[in-house]
C-alpha atoms as a PDB file:
ATOM      1  CA  UNK A   1      23.852   1.844 -36.197  1.00  0.00           C
ATOM      2  CA  UNK A   2      22.550   4.642 -34.012  1.00  0.00           C
ATOM      3  CA  UNK A   3      20.541   2.770 -31.351  1.00  0.00           C
ATOM      4  CA  UNK A   4      20.761  -0.851 -30.171  1.00  0.00           C
ATOM      5  CA  UNK A   5      19.102  -2.604 -27.227  1.00  0.00           C
ATOM      6  CA  UNK A   6      20.031  -5.551 -25.045  1.00  0.00           C
ATOM      7  CA  UNK A   7      17.513  -7.512 -22.966  1.00  0.00           C
ATOM      8  CA  UNK A   8      18.132 -10.475 -20.673  1.00  0.00           C
ATOM      9  CA  UNK A   9      16.389 -12.999 -18.440  1.00  0.00           C
ATOM     10  CA  UNK A  10      16.532 -11.429 -14.940  1.00  0.00           C
ATOM     11  CA  UNK A  11      16.801 -14.761 -13.111  1.00  0.00           C
ATOM     12  CA  UNK A  12      19.830 -15.937 -15.066  1.00  0.00           C
ATOM     13  CA  UNK A  13      23.200 -14.606 -13.859  1.00  0.00           C
ATOM     14  CA  UNK A  14      24.805 -15.907 -17.052  1.00  0.00           C
ATOM     15  CA  UNK A  15      22.290 -14.031 -19.207  1.00  0.00           C
ATOM     16  CA  UNK A  16      22.904 -10.824 -17.259  1.00  0.00           C
ATOM     17  CA  UNK A  17      26.707 -11.177 -17.614  1.00  0.00           C
ATOM     18  CA  UNK A  18      26.475 -11.800 -21.343  1.00  0.00           C
ATOM     19  CA  UNK A  19      24.097  -8.856 -21.751  1.00  0.00           C
ATOM     20  CA  UNK A  20      26.527  -6.564 -19.933  1.00  0.00           C
ATOM     21  CA  UNK A  21      29.392  -7.777 -22.080  1.00  0.00           C
ATOM     22  CA  UNK A  22      27.391  -7.177 -25.270  1.00  0.00           C
ATOM     23  CA  UNK A  23      26.612  -3.667 -24.048  1.00  0.00           C
ATOM     24  CA  UNK A  24      30.281  -3.009 -23.244  1.00  0.00           C
ATOM     25  CA  UNK A  25      31.377  -4.168 -26.710  1.00  0.00           C
ATOM     26  CA  UNK A  26      28.671  -2.100 -28.409  1.00  0.00           C
ATOM     27  CA  UNK A  27      29.351   1.194 -26.621  1.00  0.00           C
ATOM     28  CA  UNK A  28      32.440   2.152 -28.721  1.00  0.00           C
ATOM     29  CA  UNK A  29      30.587   1.255 -31.919  1.00  0.00           C
ATOM     30  CA  UNK A  30      26.992   2.457 -31.438  1.00  0.00           C
ATOM     31  CA  UNK A  31      25.758   5.940 -30.595  1.00  0.00           C
ATOM     32  CA  UNK A  32      23.185   4.749 -28.038  1.00  0.00           C
ATOM     33  CA  UNK A  33      22.997   1.378 -26.264  1.00  0.00           C
ATOM     34  CA  UNK A  34      20.291   0.516 -23.742  1.00  0.00           C
ATOM     35  CA  UNK A  35      19.869  -2.533 -21.537  1.00  0.00           C
ATOM     36  CA  UNK A  36      16.818  -3.815 -19.629  1.00  0.00           C
ATOM     37  CA  UNK A  37      15.418  -6.916 -17.988  1.00  0.00           C
ATOM     38  CA  UNK A  38      13.101  -8.949 -20.201  1.00  0.00           C
ATOM     39  CA  UNK A  39      10.505  -8.595 -17.443  1.00  0.00           C
ATOM     40  CA  UNK A  40      10.734  -4.796 -17.185  1.00  0.00           C
ATOM     41  CA  UNK A  41       7.990  -3.842 -19.622  1.00  0.00           C
ATOM     42  CA  UNK A  42       8.026  -0.173 -18.650  1.00  0.00           C
ATOM     43  CA  UNK A  43      11.732   0.326 -19.242  1.00  0.00           C
ATOM     44  CA  UNK A  44      11.711  -1.516 -22.553  1.00  0.00           C
ATOM     45  CA  UNK A  45       8.689   0.398 -23.698  1.00  0.00           C
ATOM     46  CA  UNK A  46      10.551   3.656 -23.171  1.00  0.00           C
ATOM     47  CA  UNK A  47      13.627   2.511 -25.105  1.00  0.00           C
ATOM     48  CA  UNK A  48      12.177   0.546 -28.050  1.00  0.00           C
ATOM     49  CA  UNK A  49      11.195   3.453 -30.352  1.00  0.00           C
ATOM     50  CA  UNK A  50      14.089   4.110 -32.709  1.00  0.00           C
ATOM     51  CA  UNK A  51      15.914   0.889 -31.812  1.00  0.00           C
ATOM     52  CA  UNK A  52      17.505  -0.724 -34.876  1.00  0.00           C
ATOM     53  CA  UNK A  53      18.481  -4.076 -33.357  1.00  0.00           C
ATOM     54  CA  UNK A  54      17.662  -5.903 -30.104  1.00  0.00           C
ATOM     55  CA  UNK A  55      19.839  -8.625 -28.571  1.00  0.00           C
ATOM     56  CA  UNK A  56      17.894 -11.086 -26.418  1.00  0.00           C
ATOM     57  CA  UNK A  57      19.981 -13.017 -23.867  1.00  0.00           C
ATOM     58  CA  UNK A  58      18.325 -16.076 -22.363  1.00  0.00           C
ATOM     59  CA  UNK A  59      16.063 -18.772 -23.723  1.00  0.00           C
ATOM     60  CA  UNK A  60      13.100 -18.851 -26.046  1.00  0.00           C
ATOM     61  CA  UNK A  61      10.888 -17.228 -23.409  1.00  0.00           C
ATOM     62  CA  UNK A  62      13.087 -14.136 -23.393  1.00  0.00           C
ATOM     63  CA  UNK A  63      12.746 -13.892 -27.173  1.00  0.00           C
ATOM     64  CA  UNK A  64       8.972 -14.345 -27.021  1.00  0.00           C
ATOM     65  CA  UNK A  65       8.713 -11.454 -24.557  1.00  0.00           C
ATOM     66  CA  UNK A  66      10.887  -9.286 -26.784  1.00  0.00           C
ATOM     67  CA  UNK A  67       8.839 -10.061 -29.897  1.00  0.00           C
ATOM     68  CA  UNK A  68       5.691  -8.806 -28.176  1.00  0.00           C
ATOM     69  CA  UNK A  69       7.477  -5.859 -26.542  1.00  0.00           C
ATOM     70  CA  UNK A  70       8.695  -4.280 -29.795  1.00  0.00           C
ATOM     71  CA  UNK A  71       5.203  -4.115 -31.354  1.00  0.00           C
ATOM     72  CA  UNK A  72       4.452  -2.004 -33.390  1.00  0.00           C
ATOM     73  CA  UNK A  73       8.101  -1.192 -34.164  1.00  0.00           C
ATOM     74  CA  UNK A  74       9.848  -3.364 -36.763  1.00  0.00           C
ATOM     75  CA  UNK A  75      12.933  -4.177 -34.703  1.00  0.00           C
ATOM     76  CA  UNK A  76      15.007  -7.237 -35.738  1.00  0.00           C
ATOM     77  CA  UNK A  77      15.867  -9.568 -32.862  1.00  0.00           C
ATOM     78  CA  UNK A  78      19.079 -11.503 -32.245  1.00  0.00           C
ATOM     79  CA  UNK A  79      18.487 -14.436 -29.894  1.00  0.00           C
ATOM     80  CA  UNK A  80      21.554 -15.299 -27.785  1.00  0.00           C
ATOM     81  CA  UNK A  81      21.127 -18.840 -26.474  1.00  0.00           C
ATOM     82  CA  UNK A  82      21.592 -19.235 -22.707  1.00  0.00           C
ATOM     83  CA  UNK A  83      18.575 -21.480 -22.225  1.00  0.00           C
ATOM     84  CA  UNK A  84      17.864 -25.156 -22.839  1.00  0.00           C
ATOM     85  CA  UNK A  85      15.995 -25.719 -26.101  1.00  0.00           C
ATOM     86  CA  UNK A  86      16.844 -22.680 -28.195  1.00  0.00           C
ATOM     87  CA  UNK A  87      14.570 -22.967 -31.231  1.00  0.00           C
ATOM     88  CA  UNK A  88      14.455 -19.141 -31.383  1.00  0.00           C
ATOM     89  CA  UNK A  89      17.883 -18.333 -29.973  1.00  0.00           C
ATOM     90  CA  UNK A  90      20.164 -19.140 -32.862  1.00  0.00           C
ATOM     91  CA  UNK A  91      23.491 -17.797 -31.646  1.00  0.00           C
ATOM     92  CA  UNK A  92      25.750 -18.895 -28.787  1.00  0.00           C
ATOM     93  CA  UNK A  93      27.581 -16.070 -26.943  1.00  0.00           C
ATOM     94  CA  UNK A  94      31.008 -16.985 -28.376  1.00  0.00           C
ATOM     95  CA  UNK A  95      29.658 -17.011 -31.947  1.00  0.00           C
ATOM     96  CA  UNK A  96      27.923 -13.668 -31.371  1.00  0.00           C
ATOM     97  CA  UNK A  97      31.097 -11.948 -30.174  1.00  0.00           C
ATOM     98  CA  UNK A  98      32.989 -13.390 -33.122  1.00  0.00           C
ATOM     99  CA  UNK A  99      30.506 -11.943 -35.604  1.00  0.00           C
ATOM    100  CA  UNK A 100      29.487  -8.761 -33.755  1.00  0.00           C
ATOM    101  CA  UNK A 101      31.346  -6.402 -36.088  1.00  0.00           C
ATOM    102  CA  UNK A 102      29.797  -8.125 -39.129  1.00  0.00           C
ATOM    103  CA  UNK A 103      26.319  -7.828 -37.623  1.00  0.00           C
ATOM    104  CA  UNK A 104      26.776  -4.112 -36.998  1.00  0.00           C
ATOM    105  CA  UNK A 105      28.062  -3.794 -40.531  1.00  0.00           C
ATOM    106  CA  UNK A 106      24.843  -5.192 -41.979  1.00  0.00           C
ATOM    107  CA  UNK A 107      25.627  -8.900 -42.341  1.00  0.00           C
ATOM    108  CA  UNK A 108      22.888 -11.494 -42.190  1.00  0.00           C
ATOM    109  CA  UNK A 109      19.327 -11.680 -43.397  1.00  0.00           C
ATOM    110  CA  UNK A 110      16.015 -10.801 -41.773  1.00  0.00           C
ATOM    111  CA  UNK A 111      13.661 -13.735 -41.212  1.00  0.00           C
ATOM    112  CA  UNK A 112      10.031 -12.636 -40.890  1.00  0.00           C
ATOM    113  CA  UNK A 113       7.672 -14.740 -38.758  1.00  0.00           C
ATOM    114  CA  UNK A 114       3.937 -14.461 -38.528  1.00  0.00           C
ATOM    115  CA  UNK A 115       2.216 -13.710 -35.237  1.00  0.00           C
ATOM    116  CA  UNK A 116      -1.417 -14.108 -34.221  1.00  0.00           C
ATOM    117  CA  UNK A 117      -3.749 -11.634 -32.548  1.00  0.00           C
ATOM    118  CA  UNK A 118      -6.466 -12.662 -30.122  1.00  0.00           C
ATOM    119  CA  UNK A 119      -9.461 -11.025 -28.523  1.00  0.00           C
ATOM    120  CA  UNK A 120     -12.116 -12.302 -26.122  1.00  0.00           C
ATOM    121  CA  UNK A 121     -15.838 -11.716 -26.479  1.00  0.00           C
ATOM    122  CA  UNK A 122     -17.927 -11.864 -23.295  1.00  0.00           C
ATOM    123  CA  UNK A 123     -21.646 -11.277 -23.234  1.00  0.00           C
ATOM    124  CA  UNK A 124     -21.514 -10.182 -26.874  1.00  0.00           C
ATOM    125  CA  UNK A 125     -18.940  -7.468 -26.205  1.00  0.00           C
ATOM    126  CA  UNK A 126     -15.195  -7.496 -26.872  1.00  0.00           C
ATOM    127  CA  UNK A 127     -12.925  -7.134 -23.856  1.00  0.00           C
ATOM    128  CA  UNK A 128     -10.748  -4.106 -24.299  1.00  0.00           C
ATOM    129  CA  UNK A 129      -7.334  -5.767 -24.310  1.00  0.00           C
ATOM    130  CA  UNK A 130      -6.048  -7.613 -27.392  1.00  0.00           C
ATOM    131  CA  UNK A 131      -2.996  -9.841 -27.192  1.00  0.00           C
ATOM    132  CA  UNK A 132      -0.411 -10.811 -29.792  1.00  0.00           C
ATOM    133  CA  UNK A 133       1.458 -14.108 -29.750  1.00  0.00           C
ATOM    134  CA  UNK A 134       4.486 -15.398 -31.597  1.00  0.00           C
ATOM    135  CA  UNK A 135       4.119 -19.017 -30.479  1.00  0.00           C
ATOM    136  CA  UNK A 136       0.529 -19.825 -29.608  1.00  0.00           C
ATOM    137  CA  UNK A 137      -2.780 -19.078 -28.006  1.00  0.00           C
ATOM    138  CA  UNK A 138      -3.979 -21.797 -25.652  1.00  0.00           C
ATOM    139  CA  UNK A 139      -7.428 -22.272 -24.172  1.00  0.00           C
ATOM    140  CA  UNK A 140      -7.010 -24.841 -21.400  1.00  0.00           C
ATOM    141  CA  UNK A 141      -8.687 -26.391 -18.401  1.00  0.00           C
ATOM    142  CA  UNK A 142      -8.953 -24.320 -15.249  1.00  0.00           C
ATOM    143  CA  UNK A 143      -8.191 -27.152 -12.808  1.00  0.00           C
ATOM    144  CA  UNK A 144      -6.039 -30.283 -12.755  1.00  0.00           C
ATOM    145  CA  UNK A 145      -8.030 -33.425 -13.355  1.00  0.00           C
ATOM    146  CA  UNK A 146     -10.917 -31.651 -15.062  1.00  0.00           C
ATOM    147  CA  UNK A 147     -11.506 -31.347 -18.771  1.00  0.00           C
ATOM    148  CA  UNK A 148     -13.129 -28.351 -20.411  1.00  0.00           C
ATOM    149  CA  UNK A 149     -15.896 -28.479 -23.022  1.00  0.00           C
ATOM    150  CA  UNK A 150     -15.656 -26.120 -25.980  1.00  0.00           C
ATOM    151  CA  UNK A 151     -16.299 -25.818 -29.681  1.00  0.00           C
ATOM    152  CA  UNK A 152     -13.876 -24.707 -32.392  1.00  0.00           C
ATOM    153  CA  UNK A 153     -15.026 -22.804 -35.467  1.00  0.00           C
ATOM    154  CA  UNK A 154     -13.146 -21.380 -38.422  1.00  0.00           C
ATOM    155  CA  UNK A 155     -14.645 -18.832 -40.786  1.00  0.00           C
ATOM    156  CA  UNK A 156     -18.126 -19.666 -39.512  1.00  0.00           C
ATOM    157  CA  UNK A 157     -17.805 -23.447 -39.854  1.00  0.00           C
ATOM    158  CA  UNK A 158     -17.616 -25.740 -36.831  1.00  0.00           C
ATOM    159  CA  UNK A 159     -14.464 -27.866 -36.849  1.00  0.00           C
ATOM    160  CA  UNK A 160     -15.383 -29.860 -33.751  1.00  0.00           C
ATOM    161  CA  UNK A 161     -16.973 -29.961 -30.336  1.00  0.00           C
ATOM    162  CA  UNK A 162     -14.495 -31.201 -27.739  1.00  0.00           C
ATOM    163  CA  UNK A 163     -14.197 -32.253 -24.139  1.00  0.00           C
ATOM    164  CA  UNK A 164     -10.448 -32.022 -23.650  1.00  0.00           C
ATOM    165  CA  UNK A 165      -7.590 -30.533 -21.661  1.00  0.00           C
ATOM    166  CA  UNK A 166      -7.658 -27.633 -24.100  1.00  0.00           C
ATOM    167  CA  UNK A 167      -6.833 -26.476 -27.600  1.00  0.00           C
ATOM    168  CA  UNK A 168      -3.711 -24.868 -29.054  1.00  0.00           C
ATOM    169  CA  UNK A 169      -3.883 -22.306 -31.854  1.00  0.00           C
ATOM    170  CA  UNK A 170      -0.270 -22.019 -33.014  1.00  0.00           C
ATOM    171  CA  UNK A 171       1.817 -20.159 -35.558  1.00  0.00           C
ATOM    172  CA  UNK A 172       4.596 -21.763 -37.598  1.00  0.00           C
ATOM    173  CA  UNK A 173       6.972 -20.606 -34.877  1.00  0.00           C
ATOM    174  CA  UNK A 174       4.781 -22.266 -32.275  1.00  0.00           C
ATOM    175  CA  UNK A 175       4.783 -25.502 -34.251  1.00  0.00           C
ATOM    176  CA  UNK A 176       8.027 -26.464 -32.440  1.00  0.00           C
ATOM    177  CA  UNK A 177       6.641 -25.538 -28.994  1.00  0.00           C
ATOM    178  CA  UNK A 178       3.602 -26.845 -27.080  1.00  0.00           C
ATOM    179  CA  UNK A 179       1.875 -27.909 -30.298  1.00  0.00           C
ATOM    180  CA  UNK A 180       4.766 -30.227 -31.141  1.00  0.00           C
ATOM    181  CA  UNK A 181       4.644 -31.846 -27.692  1.00  0.00           C
ATOM    182  CA  UNK A 182       1.064 -33.014 -28.305  1.00  0.00           C
ATOM    183  CA  UNK A 183       1.787 -34.355 -31.793  1.00  0.00           C
ATOM    184  CA  UNK A 184       1.270 -31.298 -33.971  1.00  0.00           C
ATOM    185  CA  UNK A 185       3.153 -30.847 -37.284  1.00  0.00           C
ATOM    186  CA  UNK A 186       6.290 -28.797 -37.789  1.00  0.00           C
ATOM    187  CA  UNK A 187       6.008 -25.931 -40.265  1.00  0.00           C
ATOM    188  CA  UNK A 188       8.791 -23.882 -41.815  1.00  0.00           C
ATOM    189  CA  UNK A 189       9.226 -20.815 -39.559  1.00  0.00           C
ATOM    190  CA  UNK A 190       8.320 -18.341 -42.287  1.00  0.00           C
ATOM    191  CA  UNK A 191       5.059 -20.108 -43.137  1.00  0.00           C
ATOM    192  CA  UNK A 192       1.917 -18.109 -42.345  1.00  0.00           C
ATOM    193  CA  UNK A 193      -0.568 -20.933 -41.744  1.00  0.00           C
ATOM    194  CA  UNK A 194      -2.326 -21.464 -38.401  1.00  0.00           C
ATOM    195  CA  UNK A 195      -2.311 -24.827 -36.631  1.00  0.00           C
ATOM    196  CA  UNK A 196      -5.258 -25.878 -34.434  1.00  0.00           C
ATOM    197  CA  UNK A 197      -4.595 -28.877 -32.156  1.00  0.00           C
ATOM    198  CA  UNK A 198      -6.861 -30.253 -29.399  1.00  0.00           C
ATOM    199  CA  UNK A 199      -5.042 -31.379 -26.258  1.00  0.00           C
ATOM    200  CA  UNK A 200      -5.952 -34.847 -24.958  1.00  0.00           C
ATOM    201  CA  UNK A 201      -9.541 -34.861 -26.285  1.00  0.00           C
ATOM    202  CA  UNK A 202     -11.829 -37.368 -24.587  1.00  0.00           C
ATOM    203  CA  UNK A 203     -13.159 -40.083 -26.925  1.00  0.00           C
ATOM    204  CA  UNK A 204     -12.105 -38.114 -30.015  1.00  0.00           C
ATOM    205  CA  UNK A 205      -9.011 -38.083 -32.268  1.00  0.00           C
ATOM    206  CA  UNK A 206      -6.354 -35.483 -31.558  1.00  0.00           C
ATOM    207  CA  UNK A 207      -5.602 -34.578 -35.178  1.00  0.00           C
ATOM    208  CA  UNK A 208      -4.351 -31.121 -35.982  1.00  0.00           C
ATOM    209  CA  UNK A 209      -5.957 -28.873 -38.589  1.00  0.00           C
ATOM    210  CA  UNK A 210      -3.780 -26.506 -40.640  1.00  0.00           C
ATOM    211  CA  UNK A 211      -5.580 -23.387 -41.783  1.00  0.00           C
ATOM    212  CA  UNK A 212      -4.422 -20.919 -44.455  1.00  0.00           C
ATOM    213  CA  UNK A 213      -3.340 -17.381 -43.751  1.00  0.00           C
ATOM    214  CA  UNK A 214      -6.334 -15.120 -43.231  1.00  0.00           C
ATOM    215  CA  UNK A 215      -8.397 -17.713 -41.423  1.00  0.00           C
ATOM    216  CA  UNK A 216     -10.336 -16.732 -38.323  1.00  0.00           C
ATOM    217  CA  UNK A 217     -10.543 -19.225 -35.450  1.00  0.00           C
ATOM    218  CA  UNK A 218     -13.127 -19.063 -32.670  1.00  0.00           C
ATOM    219  CA  UNK A 219     -13.076 -21.129 -29.502  1.00  0.00           C
ATOM    220  CA  UNK A 220     -16.317 -20.951 -27.521  1.00  0.00           C
ATOM    221  CA  UNK A 221     -16.515 -22.219 -23.970  1.00  0.00           C
ATOM    222  CA  UNK A 222     -19.610 -24.359 -23.283  1.00  0.00           C
ATOM    223  CA  UNK A 223     -22.134 -23.166 -20.662  1.00  0.00           C
ATOM    224  CA  UNK A 224     -21.196 -23.915 -17.087  1.00  0.00           C
ATOM    225  CA  UNK A 225     -17.528 -24.473 -17.955  1.00  0.00           C
ATOM    226  CA  UNK A 226     -14.408 -22.680 -16.770  1.00  0.00           C
ATOM    227  CA  UNK A 227     -11.147 -22.304 -18.700  1.00  0.00           C
ATOM    228  CA  UNK A 228      -7.944 -20.261 -18.901  1.00  0.00           C
ATOM    229  CA  UNK A 229      -6.546 -18.322 -21.829  1.00  0.00           C
ATOM    230  CA  UNK A 230      -2.750 -18.273 -22.182  1.00  0.00           C
ATOM    231  CA  UNK A 231      -0.709 -16.186 -24.631  1.00  0.00           C
ATOM    232  CA  UNK A 232       2.803 -17.533 -25.349  1.00  0.00           C
ATOM    233  CA  UNK A 233       2.570 -19.156 -21.910  1.00  0.00           C
ATOM    234  CA  UNK A 234       1.391 -15.873 -20.349  1.00  0.00           C
ATOM    235  CA  UNK A 235      -0.584 -13.891 -19.251  1.00  0.00           C
ATOM    236  CA  UNK A 236      -3.502 -15.961 -18.020  1.00  0.00           C
ATOM    237  CA  UNK A 237      -7.118 -14.782 -18.366  1.00  0.00           C
ATOM    238  CA  UNK A 238      -9.983 -16.609 -16.675  1.00  0.00           C
ATOM    239  CA  UNK A 239     -12.733 -17.704 -19.069  1.00  0.00           C
ATOM    240  CA  UNK A 240     -16.301 -18.774 -18.338  1.00  0.00           C
ATOM    241  CA  UNK A 241     -19.148 -20.439 -20.204  1.00  0.00           C
ATOM    242  CA  UNK A 242     -20.210 -18.465 -23.268  1.00  0.00           C
ATOM    243  CA  UNK A 243     -16.884 -16.659 -23.662  1.00  0.00           C
ATOM    244  CA  UNK A 244     -15.478 -16.719 -27.202  1.00  0.00           C
ATOM    245  CA  UNK A 245     -11.776 -16.425 -27.964  1.00  0.00           C
ATOM    246  CA  UNK A 246     -11.076 -15.158 -31.473  1.00  0.00           C
ATOM    247  CA  UNK A 247      -7.692 -15.727 -33.111  1.00  0.00           C
ATOM    248  CA  UNK A 248      -6.417 -14.468 -36.473  1.00  0.00           C
ATOM    249  CA  UNK A 249      -3.151 -13.577 -38.138  1.00  0.00           C
ATOM    250  CA  UNK A 250      -1.734 -10.434 -36.560  1.00  0.00           C
ATOM    251  CA  UNK A 251      -0.917  -7.366 -38.655  1.00  0.00           C
ATOM    252  CA  UNK A 252       2.436  -7.380 -36.870  1.00  0.00           C
ATOM    253  CA  UNK A 253       5.292  -9.823 -37.393  1.00  0.00           C
ATOM    254  CA  UNK A 254       8.459 -10.833 -35.558  1.00  0.00           C
ATOM    255  CA  UNK A 255      11.753 -10.226 -37.322  1.00  0.00           C
ATOM    256  CA  UNK A 256      14.941 -12.156 -36.607  1.00  0.00           C
ATOM    257  CA  UNK A 257      18.438 -11.351 -37.833  1.00  0.00           C
ATOM    258  CA  UNK A 258      19.892 -14.671 -39.002  1.00  0.00           C
ATOM    259  CA  UNK A 259      23.502 -15.299 -39.951  1.00  0.00           C
ATOM    260  CA  UNK A 260      23.077 -18.881 -41.183  1.00  0.00           C
ATOM    261  CA  UNK A 261      21.382 -20.178 -44.350  1.00  0.00           C
ATOM    262  CA  UNK A 262      17.616 -20.775 -44.465  1.00  0.00           C
ATOM    263  CA  UNK A 263      18.048 -24.527 -44.250  1.00  0.00           C
ATOM    264  CA  UNK A 264      19.823 -24.213 -40.915  1.00  0.00           C
ATOM    265  CA  UNK A 265      16.377 -24.253 -39.197  1.00  0.00           C
ATOM    266  CA  UNK A 266      15.993 -27.921 -40.047  1.00  0.00           C
ATOM    267  CA  UNK A 267      19.461 -28.719 -38.730  1.00  0.00           C
ATOM    268  CA  UNK A 268      18.582 -26.942 -35.479  1.00  0.00           C
ATOM    269  CA  UNK A 269      15.291 -28.863 -35.189  1.00  0.00           C
ATOM    270  CA  UNK A 270      17.043 -32.121 -35.990  1.00  0.00           C
ATOM    271  CA  UNK A 271      19.620 -31.576 -33.253  1.00  0.00           C
ATOM    272  CA  UNK A 272      17.034 -30.535 -30.654  1.00  0.00           C
ATOM    273  CA  UNK A 273      14.798 -33.526 -31.439  1.00  0.00           C
ATOM    274  CA  UNK A 274      17.661 -36.006 -31.734  1.00  0.00           C
ATOM    275  CA  UNK A 275      16.938 -36.755 -35.392  1.00  0.00           C
ATOM    276  CA  UNK A 276      20.585 -36.222 -36.235  1.00  0.00           C
ATOM    277  CA  UNK A 277      23.354 -38.368 -34.779  1.00  0.00           C
ATOM    278  CA  UNK A 278      26.967 -37.341 -34.589  1.00  0.00           C
END
């Protein structure tokens, strides 16, 4: 490989140490190796073009940032687990170092995961900035103790009118994140469906709806209401009555280099959710 990157969670000393060790081990083997904090968008943006592989040291949040940062470049990610849950970070540091030569030699398979793209319409006009998410897009209440009133539509048809804490529009990857915590279904990570789940709806069922690839979801804030838009847990955008958040499958995708078999995802989920007992 000619160019490889390493990114790490800047508040984790362990993540920084592992990132530096990865870089040191790569330098004799790779023509160009760069390293940057997961929070340093400017530095990563300069380095990403031409990168053939990106190691992400930290937790799932570090991987989510990396997946958005490499757009529109098709850079495979290797998640190195130094966090808590680790649905996205498949490899422990010791396993990574053991298989590093094999990875550089082309071992493994690329797992492609769908992302979603969102835009906000205010006063009939689109706001300039579009966001891409690997996990989810969340429209939520603006203040603790207050619900928000909104309607959800898909492809021009109203799914429901809700007074709730919010609504989650999730990818298959996001099905094991916030959506799961409120009772949403788990999808295989390479599925391309979209999950829509209301959060704590008042006097209404909290059932999820699974929509096929290509569906368009619209969340419209009711007049006089305030809400917040969150993309993969960040950034936040204040919403007001009449604002419409549109979500659809993104033209971009996240790519992960995996060393284990496809079925290993279910083993990982089973361990994280305590379905499997030693």
